[in-house]
Amino acid sequence: MSVVIPDDILQATKMTEYELKLEIAIMLYKQQKISSGKVRGWTGLTVIEFQHELAKRGLCLNYDVEDFRSDIQTLHLM
């Protein structure tokens, strides 16, 4: 599926196509609609670049106690 954003909308935002794509991806991540891996895959950001983009916006990684427990369990299985 593709979404078309008219040029006049893009010009009104005074953003590049990539900047708008990044903003949409970060917004979806903030709303917990997509994972950090999906954001990075879509935008081409590395882990560090993604964390930097979150920090610039005053956001933190979506990582809660359940995520931590899951990570611990995965490590125990290794």
Protein backbone atom coordinates (compact mmCIF):
# COMPACT_ATOMS: atom_id res chain seq x y z
CA MET A 1 0.00 0.00 0.00
CA SER A 2 1.20 3.49 -0.77
CA VAL A 3 0.04 6.80 0.60
CA VAL A 4 0.34 9.84 -1.62
CA ILE A 5 0.98 13.17 0.04
CA PRO A 6 0.33 16.06 -2.34
CA ASP A 7 3.29 18.33 -3.06
CA ASP A 8 1.46 21.38 -1.69
CA ILE A 9 1.05 19.63 1.68
CA LEU A 10 4.72 18.70 1.72
CA GLN A 11 5.68 22.27 0.80
CA ALA A 12 3.39 23.66 3.52
CA THR A 13 5.22 21.60 6.14
CA LYS A 14 8.59 22.94 4.93
CA MET A 15 9.92 19.43 5.39
CA THR A 16 11.64 17.05 3.04
CA GLU A 17 9.90 13.84 2.10
CA TYR A 18 12.25 11.93 4.42
CA GLU A 19 11.66 14.32 7.35
CA LEU A 20 7.90 13.88 7.01
CA LYS A 21 8.29 10.11 6.79
CA LEU A 22 10.41 10.17 9.96
CA GLU A 23 7.85 12.32 11.79
CA ILE A 24 5.05 9.94 10.85
CA ALA A 25 7.12 6.93 11.95
CA ILE A 26 8.02 8.54 15.30
CA MET A 27 4.39 9.54 15.88
CA LEU A 28 3.24 5.96 15.26
CA TYR A 29 5.95 4.67 17.60
CA LYS A 30 4.96 7.17 20.30
CA GLN A 31 1.37 5.94 20.03
CA GLN A 32 2.70 2.36 20.31
CA LYS A 33 1.24 1.47 16.92
CA ILE A 34 4.58 0.21 15.52
CA SER A 35 7.78 -1.10 17.08
CA SER A 36 11.19 0.53 17.08
CA GLY A 37 12.32 -2.17 14.65
CA LYS A 38 9.55 -1.21 12.23
CA VAL A 39 10.51 2.47 12.51
CA ARG A 40 14.16 1.69 11.88
CA GLY A 41 13.36 -0.63 8.98
CA TRP A 42 11.09 1.94 7.34
CA THR A 43 13.37 4.94 7.88
CA GLY A 44 16.76 3.26 7.58
CA LEU A 45 17.90 4.54 10.98
CA THR A 46 20.41 2.65 13.10
CA VAL A 47 19.56 1.93 16.75
CA ILE A 48 21.68 4.88 17.90
CA GLU A 49 20.19 7.23 15.29
CA PHE A 50 16.68 6.18 16.32
CA GLN A 51 17.45 6.79 20.01
CA HIS A 52 18.89 10.20 19.09
CA GLU A 53 15.70 11.10 17.20
CA LEU A 54 13.62 10.10 20.24
CA ALA A 55 15.84 12.14 22.56
CA LYS A 56 15.56 15.22 20.31
CA ARG A 57 11.79 15.01 20.83
CA GLY A 58 12.00 14.32 24.57
CA LEU A 59 10.72 10.76 24.09
CA CYS A 60 11.91 7.52 25.64
CA LEU A 61 11.98 3.98 24.34
CA ASN A 62 8.71 2.07 24.80
CA TYR A 63 10.11 -0.48 27.22
CA ASP A 64 8.18 -1.64 30.24
CA VAL A 65 8.47 -4.28 32.95
CA GLU A 66 6.88 -6.93 30.72
CA ASP A 67 9.45 -6.23 27.99
CA PHE A 68 12.21 -6.55 30.60
CA ARG A 69 10.85 -9.89 31.86
CA SER A 70 10.60 -11.16 28.30
CA ASP A 71 14.22 -10.16 27.63
CA ILE A 72 15.39 -11.90 30.83
CA GLN A 73 13.52 -15.06 29.85
CA THR A 74 15.06 -14.97 26.38
CA LEU A 75 18.54 -14.61 27.88
CA HIS A 76 17.95 -17.59 30.16
CA LEU A 77 17.09 -19.74 27.14
CA MET A 78 20.43 -18.99 25.49
